[in-house]
Amino acid sequence: MQFIFSFKYENLDRKVIVLTIESREYQNFIIERISALVDENQSVILELDCGMGKRVMMYRLLTEVFKEKRVVVFLQTHSSLEETLLYLEKEYGGIEGLAAIKSGTNAVYRKNLIENNRIILSLPTVFSNTLKKYPELANTIDIIIINEVDQIVRRVSHRRVLCVPWNILLPALDNSKIIGMSGTLRDDHLVLDDNQLHLRNELKTLLEFIPRSSTITIEDFIDTDIKEYIQDTEVLISPVKDEKTAIIINMITEHIKNVREKIIQEVKESSPQEAARLKRDFFNVLPLISVETELAEKLNRLLLLRKYIYSMPASSYRNYLFRYDFEQKESIDLPSISGKELEIIKITKGYQKVTILCSFLSTVDSLSKLLEKEGFETYIVTGRKKNKGEIIDEFKRTKNKSALILSPVGERDLDIPQTEVIIVFDLVNSPKTVYQKMKRSRGGKVILLYYEDTAEKQKVRNVVDNIAVRYPWSIIFHVNKDNS
């Protein structure tokens, strides 16, 4: 498939540039299906996994299917907006009539951009604020493309299911056709409605709140050439032996169990039915019922403290144990360096290029210092870094033994195929989030660490089991025999 564009380079004569986009059967299937559904006056919710070309699909939609339409593309973060704008402006010759409206710009100027450009990129809140002043603009938009459409759904909600400002935006743009795109659409979320707790599938919720919509999921085009482009990710679930850290975690876990039982007993006195629901699904039900404030706060402190011990370097243990007034703190034997940090050093020595994903900045800083002592070049990307792209490019280019260390903010919207292995220092409870972390390298190897003989083992198993069921097409799990 070829596209021909004509545009002017600065200080160069006008040239005709012929650029080639690889023709993929599954992408052609999606384009044709979206075109047919929109012609039938339907919106579309598209599931397109990591590495399958969402930006290429967006470009093709804007230049093929909707080339005569006025379109607003919603991005969920500033960085995603900037990167998408750069991609659409520079790749394949750019798009005429493309503009972005950004926060901080004058409302009149934003109105002018919307009126005078065919394609607008925007954050949801910025566009919503613009419509508040100029509601008539909603009637000028033919097509809405929502990137990461799953993010419009609240994970835990009391009646209101959609995130702000989507509860206002969707009704305002009711006359527009919507194309919602997401890497995965297989998570659940919780809704408390009329005193009943519902576990809802996010895809069904999207179909409910995006009117006249149909779905295109991976199952719909699994028989095309997609298997040629799916890169399997090999995941090793790796236990870490650290007796001192395990003792700390297990003491905290015992306190959590005690507080949990007190909460269930308290709720049972006033509502046996709610207490029964708590026993079945404690942590999902708890945010949606009334519990004594002191007990709820104590539980939250303990859960947060345990998460810190799972996720932070040993040098941080003492501060957090004292800060959270943990009992028996004076008798705890603290390690000088955690088992996970030692395991990171051991693993990293076997590779030329390694990427490490961490939850906290203190872990990023500690690992950077430890690996630099081992002779590694370290590249740090966190929310504090303004030149994320430059740092990533340096890591990709270097020929030296190197480690890219990322915080959750820093890892967003990144593809790092140059890395040999991704090490996940600690897991969050969201299968979708962990799956997206695994796919950063577009195939290759991932190592998930957890502390052996602690509750973290079951946490990892729960997340992994969910991933294996929901995303079976590109993940291969390996578990050490001792833990199988």
Protein backbone atom coordinates (compact mmCIF):
# COMPACT_ATOMS: atom_id res chain seq x y z
CA MET A 1 0.00 0.00 0.00
CA GLN A 2 1.46 3.39 -0.97
CA PHE A 3 0.59 6.96 -0.12
CA ILE A 4 1.87 9.92 -2.15
CA PHE A 5 2.24 13.31 -0.50
CA SER A 6 3.49 16.67 -1.70
CA PHE A 7 4.89 19.15 0.79
CA LYS A 8 7.73 21.67 1.17
CA TYR A 9 10.85 21.21 3.27
CA GLU A 10 12.40 24.40 4.64
CA ASN A 11 15.09 25.70 2.25
CA LEU A 12 14.44 22.88 -0.23
CA ASP A 13 12.50 22.73 -3.47
CA ARG A 14 9.01 21.26 -3.38
CA LYS A 15 9.20 17.49 -3.68
CA VAL A 16 6.88 14.55 -4.11
CA ILE A 17 7.57 11.97 -1.43
CA VAL A 18 6.46 8.37 -1.84
CA LEU A 19 6.14 6.62 1.50
CA THR A 20 5.14 3.03 2.10
CA ILE A 21 2.90 1.68 4.84
CA GLU A 22 3.14 -2.07 5.17
CA SER A 23 -0.18 -3.61 4.19
CA ARG A 24 -1.43 -5.84 6.98
CA GLU A 25 -4.53 -7.94 6.51
CA TYR A 26 -5.86 -7.41 10.04
CA GLN A 27 -5.52 -3.62 9.75
CA ASN A 28 -7.33 -3.65 6.40
CA PHE A 29 -10.06 -5.77 8.00
CA ILE A 30 -10.45 -3.22 10.82
CA ILE A 31 -10.51 -0.24 8.44
CA GLU A 32 -13.16 -1.85 6.25
CA ARG A 33 -15.23 -2.90 9.26
CA ILE A 34 -15.16 0.56 10.86
CA SER A 35 -16.11 2.17 7.55
CA ALA A 36 -19.07 -0.20 7.14
CA LEU A 37 -20.31 0.29 10.70
CA VAL A 38 -20.12 4.09 10.50
CA ASP A 39 -22.02 3.97 7.21
CA GLU A 40 -24.69 2.05 9.14
CA ASN A 41 -24.85 4.94 11.64
CA GLN A 42 -23.01 3.05 14.38
CA SER A 43 -20.15 3.91 16.70
CA VAL A 44 -17.28 1.44 17.19
CA ILE A 45 -15.29 0.16 20.16
CA LEU A 46 -12.00 -1.33 18.93
CA GLU A 47 -9.66 -3.59 20.87
CA LEU A 48 -6.16 -3.45 19.40
CA ASP A 49 -3.37 -4.89 21.52
CA CYS A 50 0.03 -3.35 22.21
CA GLY A 51 2.30 -3.26 19.17
CA MET A 52 -0.48 -3.74 16.62
CA GLY A 53 -0.32 -0.20 15.29
CA LYS A 54 -2.95 1.99 16.97
CA ARG A 55 -1.27 5.14 15.64
CA VAL A 56 -1.10 3.73 12.12
CA MET A 57 -4.79 2.85 12.43
CA MET A 58 -5.55 6.36 13.62
CA TYR A 59 -3.62 7.86 10.70
CA ARG A 60 -5.47 5.66 8.22
CA LEU A 61 -8.84 6.51 9.74
CA LEU A 62 -8.10 10.24 9.48
CA THR A 63 -6.80 10.06 5.91
CA GLU A 64 -8.94 7.28 4.42
CA VAL A 65 -12.22 6.58 6.21
CA PHE A 66 -12.87 10.08 7.58
CA LYS A 67 -10.94 12.19 5.09
CA GLU A 68 -14.00 14.42 4.48
CA LYS A 69 -15.15 14.52 8.11
CA ARG A 70 -14.49 16.88 11.00
CA VAL A 71 -12.82 14.84 13.73
CA VAL A 72 -11.80 15.32 17.37
CA VAL A 73 -9.17 12.91 18.71
CA PHE A 74 -9.12 12.63 22.51
CA LEU A 75 -5.87 11.67 24.24
CA GLN A 76 -5.77 10.93 27.97
CA THR A 77 -2.45 12.59 28.93
CA HIS A 78 -0.37 15.60 27.89
CA SER A 79 2.54 13.37 26.85
CA SER A 80 0.29 11.19 24.71
CA LEU A 81 -1.18 14.28 23.05
CA GLU A 82 2.26 15.71 22.24
CA GLU A 83 3.59 12.39 20.90
CA THR A 84 0.47 11.76 18.80
CA LEU A 85 0.61 15.30 17.40
CA LEU A 86 4.26 14.83 16.47
CA TYR A 87 3.50 11.46 14.87
CA LEU A 88 0.60 12.75 12.79
CA GLU A 89 2.50 15.87 11.73
CA LYS A 90 5.74 14.14 10.74
CA GLU A 91 4.99 10.54 9.76
CA TYR A 92 3.93 9.76 6.19
CA GLY A 93 3.90 13.43 5.20
CA GLY A 94 1.55 14.85 7.80
CA ILE A 95 -2.16 15.74 7.65
CA GLU A 96 -3.59 18.99 6.38
CA GLY A 97 -5.97 20.80 8.74
CA LEU A 98 -4.55 19.27 11.94
CA ALA A 99 -4.36 21.27 15.19
CA ALA A 100 -4.24 20.70 18.94
CA ILE A 101 -6.05 22.66 21.64
CA LYS A 102 -4.19 22.69 24.95
CA SER A 103 -4.84 23.72 28.51
CA GLY A 104 -3.78 27.25 29.33
CA THR A 105 -4.69 28.64 25.92
CA ASN A 106 -7.37 31.31 25.53
CA ALA A 107 -10.91 29.95 25.07
CA VAL A 108 -11.53 32.20 22.07
CA TYR A 109 -8.35 30.87 20.44
CA ARG A 110 -9.45 27.28 21.13
CA LYS A 111 -12.82 28.04 19.53
CA ASN A 112 -11.06 29.49 16.49
CA LEU A 113 -8.90 26.36 16.12
CA ILE A 114 -11.91 24.06 16.30
CA GLU A 115 -13.83 26.09 13.74
CA ASN A 116 -10.98 26.38 11.26
CA ASN A 117 -9.33 22.94 11.36
CA ARG A 118 -10.67 19.59 10.22
CA ILE A 119 -8.86 17.49 12.85
CA ILE A 120 -8.45 18.54 16.48
CA LEU A 121 -6.37 16.78 19.13
CA SER A 122 -7.42 17.52 22.71
CA LEU A 123 -7.49 16.35 26.30
CA PRO A 124 -11.07 15.57 27.41
CA THR A 125 -11.16 18.25 30.12
CA VAL A 126 -9.88 20.99 27.78
CA PHE A 127 -12.51 20.19 25.16
CA SER A 128 -15.25 19.93 27.79
CA ASN A 129 -14.34 23.35 29.19
CA THR A 130 -14.44 24.78 25.66
CA LEU A 131 -17.92 23.35 25.07
CA LYS A 132 -19.15 24.92 28.30
CA LYS A 133 -18.44 28.35 26.79
CA TYR A 134 -19.35 27.44 23.22
CA PRO A 135 -21.86 24.53 23.29
CA GLU A 136 -22.72 25.09 19.63
CA LEU A 137 -19.31 23.66 18.65
CA ALA A 138 -20.54 20.16 19.51
CA ASN A 139 -22.79 20.21 16.47
CA THR A 140 -19.82 20.79 14.13
CA ILE A 141 -18.07 17.50 14.98
CA ASP A 142 -18.76 14.43 12.86
CA ILE A 143 -16.41 11.87 14.41
CA ILE A 144 -14.90 11.39 17.86
CA ILE A 145 -11.84 9.13 18.26
CA ILE A 146 -11.10 8.24 21.90
CA ASN A 147 -7.63 6.83 22.53
CA GLU A 148 -7.51 4.45 25.55
CA VAL A 149 -11.30 4.45 25.73
CA ASP A 150 -11.25 2.11 28.74
CA GLN A 151 -10.04 5.04 30.84
CA ILE A 152 -13.42 6.77 30.65
CA VAL A 153 -14.81 4.09 33.02
CA ARG A 154 -14.37 4.47 36.78
CA ARG A 155 -12.79 1.40 38.37
CA VAL A 156 -14.82 1.71 41.60
CA SER A 157 -17.93 3.86 41.59
CA HIS A 158 -21.04 4.77 43.53
CA ARG A 159 -23.77 5.22 40.91
CA ARG A 160 -21.72 7.46 38.58
CA VAL A 161 -19.94 5.03 36.27
CA LEU A 162 -18.06 7.38 33.93
CA CYS A 163 -15.04 9.48 34.83
CA VAL A 164 -15.24 13.26 34.75
CA PRO A 165 -15.71 14.90 32.22
CA TRP A 166 -17.03 11.98 30.14
CA ASN A 167 -20.36 12.01 31.98
CA ILE A 168 -20.82 15.47 30.40
CA LEU A 169 -18.90 15.04 27.13
CA LEU A 170 -20.68 11.96 25.79
CA PRO A 171 -24.21 13.43 26.04
CA ALA A 172 -22.94 16.73 24.58
CA LEU A 173 -21.45 14.92 21.56
CA ASP A 174 -24.40 12.60 21.08
CA ASN A 175 -24.70 13.48 17.38
CA SER A 176 -21.12 12.41 16.64
CA LYS A 177 -20.00 8.88 15.77
CA ILE A 178 -17.47 7.56 18.27
CA ILE A 179 -14.45 5.34 17.58
CA GLY A 180 -13.10 4.14 20.92
CA MET A 181 -9.67 2.48 20.78
CA SER A 182 -8.00 0.49 23.55
CA GLY A 183 -5.19 -2.01 23.89
CA THR A 184 -7.40 -4.30 25.96
CA LEU A 185 -11.06 -4.31 27.02
CA ARG A 186 -11.14 -7.26 29.41
CA ASP A 187 -11.10 -5.81 32.92
CA ASP A 188 -13.97 -5.54 35.38
CA HIS A 189 -15.04 -2.62 37.53
CA LEU A 190 -17.27 -2.25 40.59
CA VAL A 191 -20.49 -0.25 40.84
CA LEU A 192 -22.69 0.22 43.92
CA ASP A 193 -26.24 0.93 42.77
CA ASP A 194 -29.36 0.89 45.00
CA ASN A 195 -27.34 -0.80 47.76
CA GLN A 196 -26.36 -3.65 45.43
CA LEU A 197 -22.77 -4.27 44.45
CA HIS A 198 -22.22 -5.14 40.79
CA LEU A 199 -19.05 -6.45 39.18
CA ARG A 200 -19.30 -5.18 35.63
CA ASN A 201 -17.30 -5.88 32.52
CA GLU A 202 -15.78 -2.67 31.16
CA LEU A 203 -16.66 -3.53 27.55
CA LYS A 204 -20.35 -3.98 28.42
CA THR A 205 -20.28 -0.67 30.27
CA LEU A 206 -18.77 1.08 27.26
CA LEU A 207 -21.43 -0.40 25.00
CA GLU A 208 -24.07 0.93 27.37
CA PHE A 209 -22.74 4.49 27.57
CA ILE A 210 -21.61 4.87 23.97
CA PRO A 211 -24.92 4.70 22.14
CA ARG A 212 -25.46 2.69 18.96
CA SER A 213 -22.04 1.05 19.24
CA SER A 214 -20.59 -2.22 18.00
CA THR A 215 -17.34 -3.94 18.95
CA ILE A 216 -14.30 -5.14 17.06
CA THR A 217 -12.18 -7.36 19.33
CA ILE A 218 -9.08 -9.42 18.69
CA GLU A 219 -11.23 -12.56 18.31
CA ASP A 220 -12.85 -10.94 15.25
CA PHE A 221 -9.59 -10.83 13.30
CA ILE A 222 -7.56 -13.59 14.93
CA ASP A 223 -7.85 -15.63 11.69
CA THR A 224 -6.19 -12.91 9.61
CA ASP A 225 -2.42 -12.38 9.40
CA ILE A 226 -2.29 -10.97 12.93
CA LYS A 227 -0.37 -13.97 14.26
CA GLU A 228 2.54 -12.97 12.03
CA TYR A 229 2.85 -9.71 13.98
CA ILE A 230 2.17 -10.91 17.53
CA GLN A 231 5.45 -11.17 19.39
CA ASP A 232 5.32 -13.65 22.25
CA THR A 233 6.48 -12.39 25.63
CA GLU A 234 8.18 -14.94 27.85
CA VAL A 235 7.41 -14.26 31.52
CA LEU A 236 9.40 -15.80 34.36
CA ILE A 237 7.78 -15.62 37.81
CA SER A 238 10.76 -15.45 40.14
CA PRO A 239 10.68 -15.85 43.95
CA VAL A 240 13.15 -13.88 46.07
CA LYS A 241 14.50 -15.32 49.33
CA ASP A 242 14.86 -12.66 52.00
CA GLU A 243 14.11 -13.90 55.52
CA LYS A 244 14.36 -10.50 57.23
CA THR A 245 12.03 -8.79 54.78
CA ALA A 246 9.64 -11.78 54.86
CA ILE A 247 9.38 -11.54 58.65
CA ILE A 248 8.42 -7.86 58.39
CA ILE A 249 5.83 -8.53 55.68
CA ASN A 250 4.29 -11.45 57.56
CA MET A 251 3.95 -9.43 60.78
CA ILE A 252 2.17 -6.67 58.86
CA THR A 253 -0.03 -9.28 57.14
CA GLU A 254 -1.06 -10.70 60.52
CA HIS A 255 -2.12 -7.23 61.67
CA ILE A 256 -4.10 -6.79 58.43
CA LYS A 257 -5.95 -10.07 59.07
CA ASN A 258 -6.83 -9.00 62.63
CA VAL A 259 -8.20 -5.63 61.52
CA ARG A 260 -10.10 -7.32 58.68
CA GLU A 261 -11.86 -9.62 61.15
CA LYS A 262 -12.75 -6.69 63.44
CA ILE A 263 -14.31 -4.86 60.48
CA ILE A 264 -16.36 -7.90 59.45
CA GLN A 265 -17.60 -8.35 63.03
CA GLU A 266 -18.54 -4.68 63.28
CA VAL A 267 -20.48 -4.77 60.00
CA LYS A 268 -22.16 -8.04 60.99
CA GLU A 269 -23.77 -6.37 63.99
CA SER A 270 -25.65 -3.89 61.81
CA SER A 271 -25.96 -5.76 58.50
CA PRO A 272 -25.36 -9.54 58.28
CA GLN A 273 -25.94 -9.38 54.51
CA GLU A 274 -23.12 -6.85 53.98
CA ALA A 275 -20.87 -8.85 56.31
CA ALA A 276 -21.43 -11.93 54.14
CA ARG A 277 -20.47 -9.91 51.05
CA LEU A 278 -17.34 -8.68 52.86
CA LYS A 279 -16.26 -12.24 53.62
CA ARG A 280 -16.67 -13.23 49.98
CA ASP A 281 -14.90 -10.23 48.41
CA PHE A 282 -13.46 -8.10 51.20
CA PHE A 283 -11.28 -5.56 49.42
CA ASN A 284 -13.69 -4.90 46.56
CA VAL A 285 -16.74 -4.51 48.81
CA LEU A 286 -15.08 -2.47 51.57
CA PRO A 287 -14.89 0.89 49.70
CA LEU A 288 -18.63 0.77 49.06
CA ILE A 289 -19.94 0.28 52.62
CA SER A 290 -19.88 2.27 55.86
CA VAL A 291 -17.16 1.23 58.30
CA GLU A 292 -15.86 2.79 61.52
CA THR A 293 -13.37 5.43 60.47
CA GLU A 294 -10.62 4.42 62.91
CA LEU A 295 -10.64 0.78 61.79
CA ALA A 296 -10.74 1.70 58.09
CA GLU A 297 -7.84 4.11 58.52
CA LYS A 298 -5.80 1.51 60.43
CA LEU A 299 -6.39 -1.05 57.68
CA ASN A 300 -5.39 1.41 54.96
CA ARG A 301 -2.20 2.31 56.86
CA LEU A 302 -1.25 -1.36 57.18
CA LEU A 303 -1.98 -2.12 53.54
CA LEU A 304 0.06 0.86 52.44
CA LEU A 305 2.92 -0.12 54.74
CA ARG A 306 2.98 -3.65 53.31
CA LYS A 307 2.98 -2.24 49.78
CA TYR A 308 5.97 -0.06 50.71
CA ILE A 309 7.90 -3.09 51.98
CA TYR A 310 7.07 -5.02 48.78
CA SER A 311 8.15 -2.10 46.64
CA MET A 312 10.89 -0.08 48.30
CA PRO A 313 14.60 -0.51 49.02
CA ALA A 314 15.66 -1.75 52.45
CA SER A 315 17.06 1.70 53.26
CA SER A 316 13.45 2.99 53.40
CA TYR A 317 12.05 0.32 55.73
CA ARG A 318 12.90 1.98 59.04
CA ASN A 319 11.36 5.35 58.15
CA TYR A 320 8.07 3.80 57.09
CA LEU A 321 7.85 1.36 60.00
CA PHE A 322 8.28 4.24 62.43
CA ARG A 323 6.05 6.61 60.47
CA TYR A 324 3.19 4.12 60.54
CA ASP A 325 3.76 3.35 64.23
CA PHE A 326 4.14 -0.35 63.58
CA GLU A 327 4.10 -2.46 66.73
CA GLN A 328 7.25 -4.37 67.73
CA LYS A 329 9.29 -2.02 65.56
CA GLU A 330 12.22 -1.93 67.97
CA SER A 331 12.68 -5.70 67.81
CA ILE A 332 12.65 -5.94 64.02
CA ASP A 333 15.93 -6.97 62.42
CA LEU A 334 16.21 -4.82 59.30
CA PRO A 335 18.25 -5.91 56.26
CA SER A 336 20.90 -3.54 54.94
CA ILE A 337 19.87 -4.30 51.35
CA SER A 338 16.68 -6.04 50.26
CA GLY A 339 16.50 -9.39 48.53
CA LYS A 340 14.89 -7.83 45.47
CA GLU A 341 17.73 -5.34 45.11
CA LEU A 342 20.28 -8.15 45.32
CA GLU A 343 18.27 -10.17 42.78
CA ILE A 344 18.19 -7.18 40.40
CA ILE A 345 22.00 -6.94 40.53
CA LYS A 346 22.34 -10.68 39.92
CA ILE A 347 19.94 -10.71 36.95
CA THR A 348 21.28 -7.54 35.38
CA LYS A 349 24.83 -8.88 35.20
CA GLY A 350 23.66 -11.48 32.69
CA TYR A 351 22.43 -8.94 30.10
CA GLN A 352 23.68 -6.03 28.05
CA LYS A 353 20.51 -3.93 28.23
CA VAL A 354 17.94 -4.18 30.99
CA THR A 355 14.76 -2.26 31.80
CA ILE A 356 13.52 -2.15 35.39
CA LEU A 357 9.99 -1.04 36.36
CA CYS A 358 9.48 0.29 39.90
CA SER A 359 6.57 1.84 41.80
CA PHE A 360 8.50 4.43 43.83
CA LEU A 361 11.19 7.02 43.24
CA SER A 362 13.24 5.80 46.22
CA THR A 363 13.55 2.40 44.51
CA VAL A 364 14.57 4.03 41.23
CA ASP A 365 17.28 6.04 43.01
CA SER A 366 18.56 3.08 45.06
CA LEU A 367 18.79 0.71 42.07
CA SER A 368 20.51 3.36 40.00
CA LYS A 369 23.27 3.77 42.61
CA LEU A 370 23.68 0.01 43.08
CA LEU A 371 23.94 -0.69 39.35
CA GLU A 372 26.33 2.19 38.74
CA LYS A 373 28.65 0.58 41.31
CA GLU A 374 28.49 -2.59 39.21
CA GLY A 375 29.68 -0.66 36.15
CA PHE A 376 26.33 -0.12 34.42
CA GLU A 377 25.26 3.05 32.70
CA THR A 378 21.89 3.95 34.20
CA TYR A 379 19.13 5.92 32.51
CA ILE A 380 16.35 7.19 34.76
CA VAL A 381 12.89 8.19 33.53
CA THR A 382 10.32 9.45 36.05
CA GLY A 383 7.59 12.05 36.12
CA ARG A 384 10.24 14.59 37.11
CA LYS A 385 12.11 14.21 33.82
CA LYS A 386 11.16 16.68 31.11
CA ASN A 387 13.32 15.10 28.39
CA LYS A 388 11.95 11.55 28.56
CA GLY A 389 12.32 10.97 24.82
CA GLU A 390 15.98 12.01 24.77
CA ILE A 391 16.84 9.70 27.67
CA ILE A 392 15.09 6.75 26.04
CA ASP A 393 16.89 7.42 22.76
CA GLU A 394 20.27 7.50 24.54
CA PHE A 395 19.49 4.13 26.16
CA LYS A 396 18.50 2.67 22.79
CA ARG A 397 21.69 3.91 21.10
CA THR A 398 24.29 3.06 23.71
CA LYS A 399 26.54 0.04 23.11
CA ASN A 400 27.55 -0.20 26.78
CA LYS A 401 26.04 -2.36 29.52
CA SER A 402 23.09 -0.27 30.59
CA ALA A 403 19.92 -0.22 32.67
CA LEU A 404 16.82 1.87 32.03
CA ILE A 405 14.97 2.41 35.32
CA LEU A 406 11.40 3.68 35.14
CA SER A 407 8.73 4.86 37.54
CA PRO A 408 5.03 4.31 36.65
CA VAL A 409 4.70 7.87 35.31
CA GLY A 410 7.91 7.54 33.34
CA GLU A 411 6.93 4.25 31.66
CA ARG A 412 3.68 5.50 30.11
CA ASP A 413 3.35 5.35 26.33
CA LEU A 414 6.78 3.74 25.89
CA ASP A 415 7.93 1.05 23.48
CA ILE A 416 11.39 -0.34 24.27
CA PRO A 417 12.12 -3.22 21.87
CA GLN A 418 15.89 -2.67 22.32
CA THR A 419 15.85 -4.00 25.89
CA GLU A 420 16.78 -7.67 26.42
CA VAL A 421 14.72 -8.14 29.56
CA ILE A 422 12.16 -6.21 31.61
CA ILE A 423 12.32 -6.75 35.37
CA VAL A 424 9.17 -5.83 37.31
CA PHE A 425 10.26 -4.99 40.85
CA ASP A 426 6.72 -5.14 42.28
CA LEU A 427 3.22 -5.77 40.90
CA VAL A 428 0.07 -3.71 41.14
CA ASN A 429 -3.24 -5.56 41.45
CA SER A 430 -4.54 -4.60 38.00
CA PRO A 431 -4.04 -7.41 35.44
CA LYS A 432 -4.42 -4.93 32.59
CA THR A 433 -1.72 -2.61 33.97
CA VAL A 434 0.70 -5.50 34.51
CA TYR A 435 -0.02 -6.86 31.03
CA GLN A 436 0.75 -3.46 29.52
CA LYS A 437 4.03 -3.37 31.46
CA MET A 438 4.95 -6.77 30.07
CA LYS A 439 4.39 -5.62 26.50
CA ARG A 440 6.71 -2.61 26.67
CA SER A 441 9.50 -4.56 24.97
CA ARG A 442 7.18 -5.85 22.21
CA GLY A 443 8.10 -9.44 22.90
CA GLY A 444 11.24 -10.65 24.66
CA LYS A 445 11.59 -11.65 28.30
CA VAL A 446 9.94 -10.34 31.48
CA ILE A 447 10.85 -11.29 35.05
CA LEU A 448 8.30 -10.73 37.83
CA LEU A 449 9.82 -10.61 41.32
CA TYR A 450 8.05 -11.44 44.57
CA TYR A 451 9.11 -12.22 48.14
CA GLU A 452 8.89 -15.95 48.81
CA ASP A 453 6.95 -17.13 51.90
CA THR A 454 4.84 -13.95 52.01
CA ALA A 455 1.41 -12.78 50.87
CA GLU A 456 3.05 -11.26 47.79
CA LYS A 457 3.26 -14.75 46.28
CA GLN A 458 -0.53 -15.09 46.21
CA LYS A 459 -0.90 -11.53 44.91
CA VAL A 460 1.36 -12.35 41.94
CA ARG A 461 -0.45 -15.62 41.27
CA ASN A 462 -3.84 -13.90 41.23
CA VAL A 463 -2.66 -11.29 38.75
CA VAL A 464 -0.90 -13.84 36.55
CA ASP A 465 -3.93 -16.16 36.50
CA ASN A 466 -6.13 -13.27 35.34
CA ILE A 467 -3.66 -12.30 32.62
CA ALA A 468 -3.45 -15.90 31.36
CA VAL A 469 -7.25 -16.05 31.00
CA ARG A 470 -7.82 -12.58 29.53
CA TYR A 471 -4.80 -12.25 27.22
CA PRO A 472 -3.93 -15.76 26.07
CA TRP A 473 -2.52 -14.92 22.64
CA SER A 474 0.94 -13.52 23.39
CA ILE A 475 2.13 -14.39 26.92
CA ILE A 476 4.09 -17.53 27.85
CA PHE A 477 4.47 -18.00 31.62
CA HIS A 478 7.20 -19.95 33.38
CA VAL A 479 7.10 -20.62 37.11
CA ASN A 480 9.99 -22.04 39.10
CA LYS A 481 9.34 -25.70 39.98
CA ASP A 482 9.48 -24.97 43.69
CA ASN A 483 6.48 -22.66 43.29
CA SER A 484 4.42 -24.49 40.68
